[in-house]
Amino acid sequence: QVQLVESGGGLVQAGGFLRLSCAASGRTFSSYHMGWFRQAPGNERDFVAAIIWSGNAKLYADSVKGRFSISRDNAKNTVSLQMNSLKPEDTAVYYCAADDRRYGSSWYDSARRAVEYDYWGQGTQVTVPS
């Protein structure tokens, strides 16, 4: 059973920055594709960023590209999301997710879809007031 635990959320003024972290259990983290999603009240859970198992390729939602950066440290079983130039529309609960690649689908085609991920963290709140 894989467990994911997010940390680093909080309240920050528009234009500020936060760094979210996700710690994973297990011995197979380095084989997982990882993603970050977010969900605001009344909204769907939306894709934010994804990183391939090796860390050599990344994807971003258009709304965060150029402002957010995803990274991973496979030796430490962690994935991070650096969030810069934060905006009120970034306010949401942010979730870390892992794809164990059990079904061998294309990462490029599936990384943006929440349904493709097998494990989820509990979420961490990010608030950017207007």
C-alpha atoms as a PDB file:
ATOM      1  CA  GLN A   1       0.000   0.000   0.000  1.00  0.00           C
ATOM      2  CA  VAL A   2       1.482   3.317  -1.143  1.00  0.00           C
ATOM      3  CA  GLN A   3       0.936   6.346   1.064  1.00  0.00           C
ATOM      4  CA  LEU A   4       1.425   9.957  -0.034  1.00  0.00           C
ATOM      5  CA  VAL A   5       1.606  12.894   2.369  1.00  0.00           C
ATOM      6  CA  GLU A   6       1.583  16.518   1.187  1.00  0.00           C
ATOM      7  CA  SER A   7       2.943  19.463   3.138  1.00  0.00           C
ATOM      8  CA  GLY A   8       3.858  23.103   2.622  1.00  0.00           C
ATOM      9  CA  GLY A   9       0.474  24.707   1.998  1.00  0.00           C
ATOM     10  CA  GLY A  10      -0.606  27.966   3.573  1.00  0.00           C
ATOM     11  CA  LEU A  11      -1.800  31.510   2.959  1.00  0.00           C
ATOM     12  CA  VAL A  12       0.289  33.799   0.781  1.00  0.00           C
ATOM     13  CA  GLN A  13      -0.386  37.179  -0.823  1.00  0.00           C
ATOM     14  CA  ALA A  14      -0.768  37.503  -4.571  1.00  0.00           C
ATOM     15  CA  GLY A  15       2.637  37.560  -6.222  1.00  0.00           C
ATOM     16  CA  GLY A  16       4.170  35.454  -3.474  1.00  0.00           C
ATOM     17  CA  PHE A  17       5.478  31.905  -3.498  1.00  0.00           C
ATOM     18  CA  LEU A  18       5.103  28.527  -1.822  1.00  0.00           C
ATOM     19  CA  ARG A  19       6.803  25.165  -2.171  1.00  0.00           C
ATOM     20  CA  LEU A  20       4.698  22.036  -1.721  1.00  0.00           C
ATOM     21  CA  SER A  21       6.246  18.670  -0.924  1.00  0.00           C
ATOM     22  CA  CYS A  22       4.925  15.120  -1.172  1.00  0.00           C
ATOM     23  CA  ALA A  23       6.549  12.236   0.673  1.00  0.00           C
ATOM     24  CA  ALA A  24       5.855   8.698  -0.562  1.00  0.00           C
ATOM     25  CA  SER A  25       6.159   5.348   1.141  1.00  0.00           C
ATOM     26  CA  GLY A  26       7.298   2.153  -0.546  1.00  0.00           C
ATOM     27  CA  ARG A  27      10.307   0.892  -2.451  1.00  0.00           C
ATOM     28  CA  THR A  28       9.004   1.467  -5.989  1.00  0.00           C
ATOM     29  CA  PHE A  29       8.628   5.263  -6.003  1.00  0.00           C
ATOM     30  CA  SER A  30      11.290   5.643  -8.679  1.00  0.00           C
ATOM     31  CA  SER A  31       9.122   3.683 -11.131  1.00  0.00           C
ATOM     32  CA  TYR A  32       5.993   5.815 -10.631  1.00  0.00           C
ATOM     33  CA  HIS A  33       4.841   8.746 -12.701  1.00  0.00           C
ATOM     34  CA  MET A  34       3.812  11.551 -10.353  1.00  0.00           C
ATOM     35  CA  GLY A  35       1.367  14.417 -10.606  1.00  0.00           C
ATOM     36  CA  TRP A  36      -0.096  17.396  -8.803  1.00  0.00           C
ATOM     37  CA  PHE A  37      -3.796  18.253  -9.006  1.00  0.00           C
ATOM     38  CA  ARG A  38      -5.907  20.905  -7.322  1.00  0.00           C
ATOM     39  CA  GLN A  39      -9.543  21.331  -6.394  1.00  0.00           C
ATOM     40  CA  ALA A  40     -11.389  24.502  -5.400  1.00  0.00           C
ATOM     41  CA  PRO A  41     -14.795  24.346  -3.651  1.00  0.00           C
ATOM     42  CA  GLY A  42     -17.512  23.380  -6.123  1.00  0.00           C
ATOM     43  CA  ASN A  43     -14.977  22.615  -8.869  1.00  0.00           C
ATOM     44  CA  GLU A  44     -13.584  19.471 -10.416  1.00  0.00           C
ATOM     45  CA  ARG A  45     -10.147  18.181  -9.514  1.00  0.00           C
ATOM     46  CA  ASP A  46      -7.916  19.801 -12.141  1.00  0.00           C
ATOM     47  CA  PHE A  47      -4.498  18.883 -13.457  1.00  0.00           C
ATOM     48  CA  VAL A  48      -1.595  21.105 -12.416  1.00  0.00           C
ATOM     49  CA  ALA A  49       1.677  19.359 -13.276  1.00  0.00           C
ATOM     50  CA  ALA A  50       3.173  15.918 -13.921  1.00  0.00           C
ATOM     51  CA  ILE A  51       6.627  14.387 -14.003  1.00  0.00           C
ATOM     52  CA  ILE A  52       7.739  11.122 -15.592  1.00  0.00           C
ATOM     53  CA  TRP A  53       9.305   8.374 -13.467  1.00  0.00           C
ATOM     54  CA  SER A  54      12.865   9.459 -14.294  1.00  0.00           C
ATOM     55  CA  GLY A  55      12.225  13.190 -13.887  1.00  0.00           C
ATOM     56  CA  ASN A  56      13.402  13.806 -17.447  1.00  0.00           C
ATOM     57  CA  ALA A  57      10.053  15.034 -18.795  1.00  0.00           C
ATOM     58  CA  LYS A  58       7.392  17.316 -17.332  1.00  0.00           C
ATOM     59  CA  LEU A  59       3.933  18.606 -18.216  1.00  0.00           C
ATOM     60  CA  TYR A  60       2.048  21.666 -16.951  1.00  0.00           C
ATOM     61  CA  ALA A  61      -1.435  23.047 -17.155  1.00  0.00           C
ATOM     62  CA  ASP A  62      -1.608  26.186 -19.277  1.00  0.00           C
ATOM     63  CA  SER A  63      -2.779  28.165 -16.251  1.00  0.00           C
ATOM     64  CA  VAL A  64       0.445  27.527 -14.313  1.00  0.00           C
ATOM     65  CA  LYS A  65       3.073  27.154 -17.028  1.00  0.00           C
ATOM     66  CA  GLY A  66       5.945  29.554 -16.441  1.00  0.00           C
ATOM     67  CA  ARG A  67       4.999  30.033 -12.784  1.00  0.00           C
ATOM     68  CA  PHE A  68       5.051  26.528 -11.280  1.00  0.00           C
ATOM     69  CA  SER A  69       7.814  23.930 -11.439  1.00  0.00           C
ATOM     70  CA  ILE A  70       7.553  20.229 -10.579  1.00  0.00           C
ATOM     71  CA  SER A  71      10.568  18.184  -9.496  1.00  0.00           C
ATOM     72  CA  ARG A  72      11.356  14.871  -7.817  1.00  0.00           C
ATOM     73  CA  ASP A  73      14.096  13.259  -5.782  1.00  0.00           C
ATOM     74  CA  ASN A  74      13.856   9.514  -6.247  1.00  0.00           C
ATOM     75  CA  ALA A  75      16.553   8.865  -3.653  1.00  0.00           C
ATOM     76  CA  LYS A  76      14.334  10.531  -1.037  1.00  0.00           C
ATOM     77  CA  ASN A  77      10.926   9.385  -2.344  1.00  0.00           C
ATOM     78  CA  THR A  78       9.705  12.961  -2.731  1.00  0.00           C
ATOM     79  CA  VAL A  79       8.074  15.140  -5.358  1.00  0.00           C
ATOM     80  CA  SER A  80       7.791  18.916  -5.045  1.00  0.00           C
ATOM     81  CA  LEU A  81       5.845  21.772  -6.599  1.00  0.00           C
ATOM     82  CA  GLN A  82       7.451  25.201  -6.544  1.00  0.00           C
ATOM     83  CA  MET A  83       4.724  27.829  -6.987  1.00  0.00           C
ATOM     84  CA  ASN A  84       5.783  31.362  -7.879  1.00  0.00           C
ATOM     85  CA  SER A  85       3.820  34.497  -8.784  1.00  0.00           C
ATOM     86  CA  LEU A  86       0.739  33.126  -7.053  1.00  0.00           C
ATOM     87  CA  LYS A  87      -2.699  34.402  -8.037  1.00  0.00           C
ATOM     88  CA  PRO A  88      -6.082  34.274  -6.266  1.00  0.00           C
ATOM     89  CA  GLU A  89      -7.244  31.704  -8.826  1.00  0.00           C
ATOM     90  CA  ASP A  90      -4.542  29.348  -7.528  1.00  0.00           C
ATOM     91  CA  THR A  91      -6.515  28.995  -4.285  1.00  0.00           C
ATOM     92  CA  ALA A  92      -7.397  25.309  -3.874  1.00  0.00           C
ATOM     93  CA  VAL A  93      -6.579  22.095  -2.082  1.00  0.00           C
ATOM     94  CA  TYR A  94      -3.517  20.613  -3.778  1.00  0.00           C
ATOM     95  CA  TYR A  95      -3.149  16.844  -4.103  1.00  0.00           C
ATOM     96  CA  CYS A  96      -0.144  14.683  -4.867  1.00  0.00           C
ATOM     97  CA  ALA A  97      -0.856  11.586  -6.979  1.00  0.00           C
ATOM     98  CA  ALA A  98       1.067   8.506  -8.139  1.00  0.00           C
ATOM     99  CA  ASP A  99       0.600   6.354 -11.238  1.00  0.00           C
ATOM    100  CA  ASP A 100       2.007   2.866 -10.701  1.00  0.00           C
ATOM    101  CA  ARG A 101       1.986   2.244 -14.481  1.00  0.00           C
ATOM    102  CA  ARG A 102       0.215  -1.075 -14.013  1.00  0.00           C
ATOM    103  CA  TYR A 103      -1.623  -0.766 -17.327  1.00  0.00           C
ATOM    104  CA  GLY A 104       1.213   0.636 -19.408  1.00  0.00           C
ATOM    105  CA  SER A 105      -0.609   3.592 -20.947  1.00  0.00           C
ATOM    106  CA  SER A 106       1.191   6.480 -22.633  1.00  0.00           C
ATOM    107  CA  TRP A 107       2.367   9.024 -20.077  1.00  0.00           C
ATOM    108  CA  TYR A 108       2.014  11.914 -22.535  1.00  0.00           C
ATOM    109  CA  ASP A 109      -1.600  10.977 -23.291  1.00  0.00           C
ATOM    110  CA  SER A 110      -2.714  10.145 -19.744  1.00  0.00           C
ATOM    111  CA  ALA A 111      -0.736  12.308 -17.317  1.00  0.00           C
ATOM    112  CA  ARG A 112      -3.346  15.106 -17.251  1.00  0.00           C
ATOM    113  CA  ARG A 113      -6.230  12.790 -16.294  1.00  0.00           C
ATOM    114  CA  ALA A 114      -6.916  12.229 -12.608  1.00  0.00           C
ATOM    115  CA  VAL A 115      -8.506   8.841 -13.326  1.00  0.00           C
ATOM    116  CA  GLU A 116      -5.129   7.483 -14.462  1.00  0.00           C
ATOM    117  CA  TYR A 117      -3.576   7.841 -10.989  1.00  0.00           C
ATOM    118  CA  ASP A 118      -3.670   5.039  -8.450  1.00  0.00           C
ATOM    119  CA  TYR A 119      -2.692   6.705  -5.171  1.00  0.00           C
ATOM    120  CA  TRP A 120      -3.563  10.087  -3.693  1.00  0.00           C
ATOM    121  CA  GLY A 121      -2.440  12.179  -0.759  1.00  0.00           C
ATOM    122  CA  GLN A 122      -4.765  13.873   1.712  1.00  0.00           C
ATOM    123  CA  GLY A 123      -4.317  17.336   0.210  1.00  0.00           C
ATOM    124  CA  THR A 124      -2.880  20.606   1.465  1.00  0.00           C
ATOM    125  CA  GLN A 125      -4.659  23.974   1.365  1.00  0.00           C
ATOM    126  CA  VAL A 126      -3.216  26.894  -0.598  1.00  0.00           C
ATOM    127  CA  THR A 127      -4.958  30.242  -0.170  1.00  0.00           C
ATOM    128  CA  VAL A 128      -4.151  33.404  -2.136  1.00  0.00           C
ATOM    129  CA  PRO A 129      -6.520  36.238  -1.129  1.00  0.00           C
ATOM    130  CA  SER A 130      -7.690  38.834  -3.627  1.00  0.00           C
END
